[in-house]
Amino acid sequence: MTATVIDGREIAKKIRKEIYDEVVSLKSKYKVTPKITTLLIGDDPGSKLYLKLRDNACNKVGITSDHLEFDENVSEDEITAAIQNLNNDENIHGILIQYPAPSHISQDTLMSSIDPKKDVEGFHPYNMGRTLLGNESIVPCTPLSVLTILEHEEVDLKGKDVCIVNHSNVVGKPLAALLLNRNATVLVCHVFTQDSKQYTSKADVLITGAGVPKLITPDHVKKDAFVIDVAIIPTESGICGDVDFESVKEKAGKITPVPGGVGPVTIASALKNMIKTYKNCFEDA
C-alpha cells in the first residue's frame, strides 16, 4: 500500500491562521506591531528564495519583516556590531541570520552574539541548553517543524525507535534532544556511521537531512515507517531531498515530500518563534 503523503503546506496554513489570531491579540495588548530583522550576508540564491518565502509568511500573519544585507566580504566585527545594534533596538523583536554565512565568519560567534530573548532560530547556546534540559523555550525551527509534523499526525513518540540521519548543531543534535524529551529511543547516523542501513531499517520514524539525493532507498526503510525528509537539495531538475521518494513511498506508512513537506512547516515554525521573541520583549523571558 502506498504511503500517506504529508501535506506540509496545509499544516503550515493552519499554523499561520493560529499565529494571525495571536498577533491580532498581542498587538491589541502591547500596541506595537511585531518586527523582526534578518541579516543576509552575500548573494546566495537559495538564501534569497528562502527569505522571500519567509517574508511572505510574515506578511500573511501581520509581522513586519526587515532585512540588513551585507557584501560577502564583510568583516565579522561589522556583523557582530550590527547584531548588537539590533539587540539594543526596542523596535526590533526578533533577529535571524540567513545561513550559510561566508567561511571567514564564525557561525558560533554569530549565534552567540544575538540576545537570547530575540533569538528567533533558537541557536544561542542559552536556548540550545534549555532545549537539551527539557525547557523548550525557543527551539531551532527545523527540529520544531519535524516535531510539529509528528504531533499533527498524532504520533506517540514514547518508546518509538527513531533514527536521525544528521548530526549537525542546527538539526540533528537539537532534534535528538526534543525526541528524547518525549521518551523516544533515538539513534543518530552521520557521514562516519558504518553501514547506516542497519540502523535506519529498524526505525519506526526515520528523519533524514544529509543533503544527498536518493540517499534513502527502500532498503533503508522499515515497512510502514514514518519517513520525514528534511533535506532541500537544488538539482538541474528541481528541488529534491534525501529520499528516493517514488520507491520509498511504496514501503513507508507515511512520508513527507520535497518540496511541500518539511519546508513550509519550518517557515511556519519560525513564525511561532517570532511570537515568543516578541512576547519576550515585553515580558520576563
Protein backbone atom coordinates (compact mmCIF):
# COMPACT_ATOMS: atom_id res chain seq x y z
CA MET A 1 0.00 0.00 0.00
CA THR A 2 1.32 3.44 -0.95
CA ALA A 3 2.29 5.70 1.96
CA THR A 4 0.19 8.63 3.11
CA VAL A 5 1.91 11.78 1.78
CA ILE A 6 2.02 14.52 4.40
CA ASP A 7 0.96 17.93 3.07
CA GLY A 8 3.26 20.39 4.81
CA ARG A 9 1.59 23.34 3.13
CA GLU A 10 -1.74 22.53 4.79
CA ILE A 11 -0.08 22.15 8.20
CA ALA A 12 1.67 25.49 7.68
CA LYS A 13 -1.60 27.13 6.66
CA LYS A 14 -3.22 26.01 9.91
CA ILE A 15 -0.28 27.36 11.93
CA ARG A 16 -0.41 30.72 10.13
CA LYS A 17 -4.11 31.06 10.99
CA GLU A 18 -3.31 30.47 14.67
CA ILE A 19 -0.40 32.92 14.54
CA TYR A 20 -2.53 35.57 12.79
CA ASP A 21 -5.13 35.41 15.57
CA GLU A 22 -2.42 35.62 18.23
CA VAL A 23 -0.74 38.59 16.53
CA VAL A 24 -4.05 40.46 16.49
CA SER A 25 -4.47 39.81 20.22
CA LEU A 26 -0.88 40.74 21.12
CA LYS A 27 -0.93 43.93 19.03
CA SER A 28 -4.04 44.97 20.92
CA LYS A 29 -2.28 44.23 24.22
CA TYR A 30 1.14 45.78 23.53
CA LYS A 31 0.12 48.44 20.96
CA VAL A 32 3.18 47.57 18.85
CA THR A 33 3.47 45.59 15.60
CA PRO A 34 5.92 42.66 15.83
CA LYS A 35 9.06 43.38 13.81
CA ILE A 36 11.89 41.00 13.03
CA THR A 37 15.15 41.64 11.17
CA THR A 38 17.16 39.17 9.10
CA LEU A 39 20.85 39.62 8.35
CA LEU A 40 21.73 38.38 4.86
CA ILE A 41 25.43 38.06 4.03
CA GLY A 42 26.41 37.56 0.41
CA ASP A 43 24.33 36.75 -2.65
CA ASP A 44 23.31 33.12 -2.25
CA PRO A 45 20.23 32.45 -4.47
CA GLY A 46 18.87 29.79 -2.13
CA SER A 47 19.07 32.15 0.83
CA LYS A 48 17.24 34.87 -1.07
CA LEU A 49 14.48 32.47 -2.09
CA TYR A 50 14.02 31.23 1.48
CA LEU A 51 14.00 34.83 2.73
CA LYS A 52 11.31 35.73 0.20
CA LEU A 53 9.14 32.82 1.33
CA ARG A 54 9.57 33.80 4.97
CA ASP A 55 8.73 37.43 4.18
CA ASN A 56 5.51 36.30 2.52
CA ALA A 57 4.63 34.20 5.56
CA CYS A 58 5.30 37.15 7.88
CA ASN A 59 3.09 39.42 5.79
CA LYS A 60 0.21 36.94 6.00
CA VAL A 61 0.19 36.98 9.80
CA GLY A 62 0.88 40.68 10.42
CA ILE A 63 4.58 40.53 11.31
CA THR A 64 6.89 43.15 9.81
CA SER A 65 9.97 41.54 8.26
CA ASP A 66 13.02 43.74 7.64
CA HIS A 67 16.47 42.92 6.16
CA LEU A 68 20.04 44.03 6.58
CA GLU A 69 22.11 42.96 3.58
CA PHE A 70 25.91 42.75 3.57
CA ASP A 71 28.56 42.04 0.98
CA GLU A 72 30.11 38.58 1.33
CA ASN A 73 33.46 40.20 2.21
CA VAL A 74 32.04 41.98 5.24
CA SER A 75 34.10 41.60 8.41
CA GLU A 76 32.92 39.56 11.37
CA ASP A 77 33.25 42.65 13.57
CA GLU A 78 30.88 44.61 11.37
CA ILE A 79 28.26 41.84 11.52
CA THR A 80 28.50 41.45 15.29
CA ALA A 81 28.23 45.23 15.68
CA ALA A 82 25.05 45.19 13.59
CA ILE A 83 23.66 42.39 15.75
CA GLN A 84 24.44 44.37 18.89
CA ASN A 85 22.56 47.37 17.50
CA LEU A 86 19.54 45.13 16.87
CA ASN A 87 19.83 43.68 20.38
CA ASN A 88 19.59 47.20 21.78
CA ASP A 89 16.80 48.39 19.46
CA GLU A 90 13.47 48.29 21.31
CA ASN A 91 11.63 48.34 17.98
CA ILE A 92 13.14 45.02 16.90
CA HIS A 93 11.53 41.96 18.48
CA GLY A 94 13.41 39.15 16.77
CA ILE A 95 16.71 38.57 14.95
CA LEU A 96 17.62 35.96 12.36
CA ILE A 97 20.79 35.26 10.39
CA GLN A 98 20.27 33.76 6.96
CA TYR A 99 22.75 30.93 6.56
CA PRO A 100 25.08 29.94 5.01
CA ALA A 101 27.49 32.66 6.09
CA PRO A 102 30.89 33.16 4.40
CA SER A 103 33.65 30.89 5.69
CA HIS A 104 35.62 33.76 7.25
CA ILE A 105 32.76 34.47 9.66
CA SER A 106 32.26 32.12 12.61
CA GLN A 107 28.74 30.74 12.78
CA ASP A 108 29.20 30.13 16.51
CA THR A 109 30.16 33.78 17.01
CA LEU A 110 27.06 34.98 15.17
CA MET A 111 24.77 32.67 17.11
CA SER A 112 26.26 33.73 20.44
CA SER A 113 26.01 37.44 19.58
CA ILE A 114 22.22 37.51 19.42
CA ASP A 115 20.32 38.40 22.58
CA PRO A 116 18.77 35.05 23.65
CA LYS A 117 15.36 36.64 24.10
CA LYS A 118 15.40 37.84 20.45
CA ASP A 119 16.88 34.62 19.04
CA VAL A 120 14.18 33.52 16.57
CA GLU A 121 16.13 30.46 15.40
CA GLY A 122 16.90 29.16 18.87
CA PHE A 123 20.61 28.74 18.12
CA HIS A 124 22.05 30.76 21.01
CA PRO A 125 23.87 28.44 23.47
CA TYR A 126 21.46 29.56 26.22
CA ASN A 127 18.40 28.49 24.23
CA MET A 128 20.06 25.30 22.99
CA GLY A 129 20.98 24.43 26.57
CA ARG A 130 17.41 24.95 27.73
CA THR A 131 16.19 22.66 24.95
CA LEU A 132 18.67 19.97 26.00
CA LEU A 133 17.46 20.21 29.60
CA GLY A 134 13.81 19.90 28.56
CA ASN A 135 12.91 23.57 28.96
CA GLU A 136 11.83 24.13 25.36
CA SER A 137 11.53 27.89 25.30
CA ILE A 138 12.82 28.75 21.80
CA VAL A 139 13.60 25.66 19.73
CA PRO A 140 15.52 25.60 16.40
CA CYS A 141 13.00 25.92 13.59
CA THR A 142 13.73 22.79 11.55
CA PRO A 143 13.64 20.40 14.53
CA LEU A 144 10.50 22.19 15.69
CA SER A 145 8.92 21.61 12.28
CA VAL A 146 9.66 17.87 12.47
CA LEU A 147 8.10 17.72 15.91
CA THR A 148 5.10 19.71 14.66
CA ILE A 149 4.53 17.24 11.81
CA LEU A 150 4.73 14.28 14.19
CA GLU A 151 2.28 15.94 16.57
CA HIS A 152 -0.07 16.82 13.70
CA GLU A 153 -0.11 13.14 12.72
CA GLU A 154 -0.69 12.19 16.39
CA VAL A 155 2.46 10.06 16.67
CA ASP A 156 3.07 8.94 20.25
CA LEU A 157 6.86 9.04 20.45
CA LYS A 158 7.15 7.27 23.81
CA GLY A 159 9.18 4.11 23.25
CA LYS A 160 9.37 4.59 19.47
CA ASP A 161 12.64 3.78 17.69
CA VAL A 162 13.69 6.95 15.88
CA CYS A 163 16.70 7.27 13.59
CA ILE A 164 18.08 10.66 12.55
CA VAL A 165 20.47 10.87 9.60
CA ASN A 166 22.12 14.18 10.50
CA HIS A 167 24.23 15.22 13.48
CA SER A 168 24.55 18.96 12.88
CA ASN A 169 24.15 21.58 15.58
CA VAL A 170 21.13 23.06 13.82
CA VAL A 171 19.16 19.89 13.03
CA GLY A 172 20.35 16.53 14.32
CA LYS A 173 21.53 17.39 17.83
CA PRO A 174 18.60 19.59 18.93
CA LEU A 175 16.14 17.23 17.22
CA ALA A 176 17.58 14.30 19.16
CA ALA A 177 17.09 16.27 22.39
CA LEU A 178 13.45 17.04 21.53
CA LEU A 179 12.75 13.39 20.82
CA LEU A 180 14.50 12.24 23.99
CA ASN A 181 12.44 14.76 25.92
CA ARG A 182 9.42 12.79 24.67
CA ASN A 183 10.91 9.43 25.68
CA ALA A 184 11.68 8.15 22.20
CA THR A 185 14.65 5.82 21.70
CA VAL A 186 16.93 7.86 19.45
CA LEU A 187 19.82 6.80 17.24
CA VAL A 188 21.82 9.33 15.21
CA CYS A 189 23.65 8.44 11.99
CA HIS A 190 26.12 10.65 10.14
CA VAL A 191 28.83 10.61 7.49
CA PHE A 192 31.13 8.48 9.66
CA THR A 193 28.49 5.87 10.51
CA GLN A 194 29.39 2.40 9.26
CA ASP A 195 26.51 0.81 7.30
CA SER A 196 23.76 3.23 8.31
CA LYS A 197 21.21 0.96 6.64
CA GLN A 198 21.36 -1.45 9.59
CA TYR A 199 20.06 1.37 11.81
CA THR A 200 17.65 3.21 9.54
CA SER A 201 15.87 -0.02 8.53
CA LYS A 202 14.81 -0.67 12.14
CA ALA A 203 13.36 2.77 12.83
CA ASP A 204 9.67 3.42 13.38
CA VAL A 205 10.41 7.04 12.47
CA LEU A 206 13.22 7.87 10.04
CA ILE A 207 14.28 11.53 9.78
CA THR A 208 16.92 12.37 7.20
CA GLY A 209 18.78 15.59 6.40
CA ALA A 210 22.10 14.55 4.89
CA GLY A 211 21.79 16.60 1.69
CA VAL A 212 22.46 13.63 -0.62
CA PRO A 213 19.90 12.98 -3.41
CA LYS A 214 18.34 9.49 -3.31
CA LEU A 215 20.44 8.50 -0.30
CA ILE A 216 17.46 6.77 1.29
CA THR A 217 16.10 3.85 -0.73
CA PRO A 218 13.51 1.21 0.24
CA ASP A 219 16.28 -0.96 1.73
CA HIS A 220 16.90 1.78 4.31
CA VAL A 221 13.28 1.86 5.45
CA LYS A 222 11.26 -0.34 7.79
CA LYS A 223 7.87 -1.32 6.41
CA ASP A 224 5.18 1.21 7.37
CA ALA A 225 7.74 3.58 8.94
CA PHE A 226 7.14 7.34 9.07
CA VAL A 227 9.78 8.91 6.80
CA ILE A 228 10.49 12.64 7.20
CA ASP A 229 12.82 14.24 4.66
CA VAL A 230 14.41 17.44 5.95
CA ALA A 231 16.90 17.89 3.10
CA ILE A 232 16.42 20.60 0.45
CA ILE A 233 18.78 19.96 -2.45
CA PRO A 234 18.80 22.06 -5.65
CA THR A 235 19.35 19.98 -8.80
CA GLU A 236 19.06 20.60 -12.53
CA SER A 237 15.60 19.05 -12.48
CA GLY A 238 14.43 20.99 -9.42
CA ILE A 239 14.42 20.66 -5.65
CA CYS A 240 14.69 17.22 -4.09
CA GLY A 241 15.50 15.63 -0.74
CA ASP A 242 17.49 12.67 0.54
CA VAL A 243 14.70 10.18 -0.07
CA ASP A 244 14.12 8.32 -3.33
CA PHE A 245 10.50 9.37 -2.96
CA GLU A 246 8.76 7.31 -5.64
CA SER A 247 10.21 3.99 -4.49
CA VAL A 248 10.20 4.64 -0.73
CA LYS A 249 6.56 5.72 -0.69
CA GLU A 250 5.63 2.17 -1.70
CA LYS A 251 7.12 0.83 1.54
CA ALA A 252 6.69 3.60 4.12
CA GLY A 253 3.49 4.20 6.05
CA LYS A 254 3.75 7.99 5.95
CA ILE A 255 6.19 10.21 4.10
CA THR A 256 6.94 13.91 3.59
CA PRO A 257 7.63 15.14 0.05
CA VAL A 258 10.28 17.61 -1.09
CA PRO A 259 9.21 20.26 -1.82
CA GLY A 260 5.97 20.76 0.09
CA GLY A 261 6.76 18.80 3.24
CA VAL A 262 9.07 19.99 5.99
CA GLY A 263 9.97 23.30 4.28
CA PRO A 264 6.65 25.13 4.69
CA VAL A 265 6.31 23.89 8.27
CA THR A 266 9.82 25.15 9.07
CA ILE A 267 8.85 28.65 7.93
CA ALA A 268 5.65 28.43 9.97
CA SER A 269 7.71 27.27 12.97
CA ALA A 270 9.84 30.40 12.60
CA LEU A 271 6.62 32.41 12.92
CA LYS A 272 5.84 30.57 16.17
CA ASN A 273 9.27 31.51 17.48
CA MET A 274 8.79 35.13 16.39
CA ILE A 275 5.73 35.31 18.62
CA LYS A 276 7.84 34.03 21.52
CA THR A 277 10.62 36.57 20.96
CA TYR A 278 8.04 39.34 20.56
CA LYS A 279 6.48 38.44 23.90
CA ASN A 280 9.95 38.19 25.46
CA CYS A 281 10.49 41.86 24.69
CA PHE A 282 7.52 42.80 26.87
CA GLU A 283 7.54 40.04 29.45
CA ASP A 284 10.19 38.22 31.50
CA ALA A 285 11.89 35.69 29.18
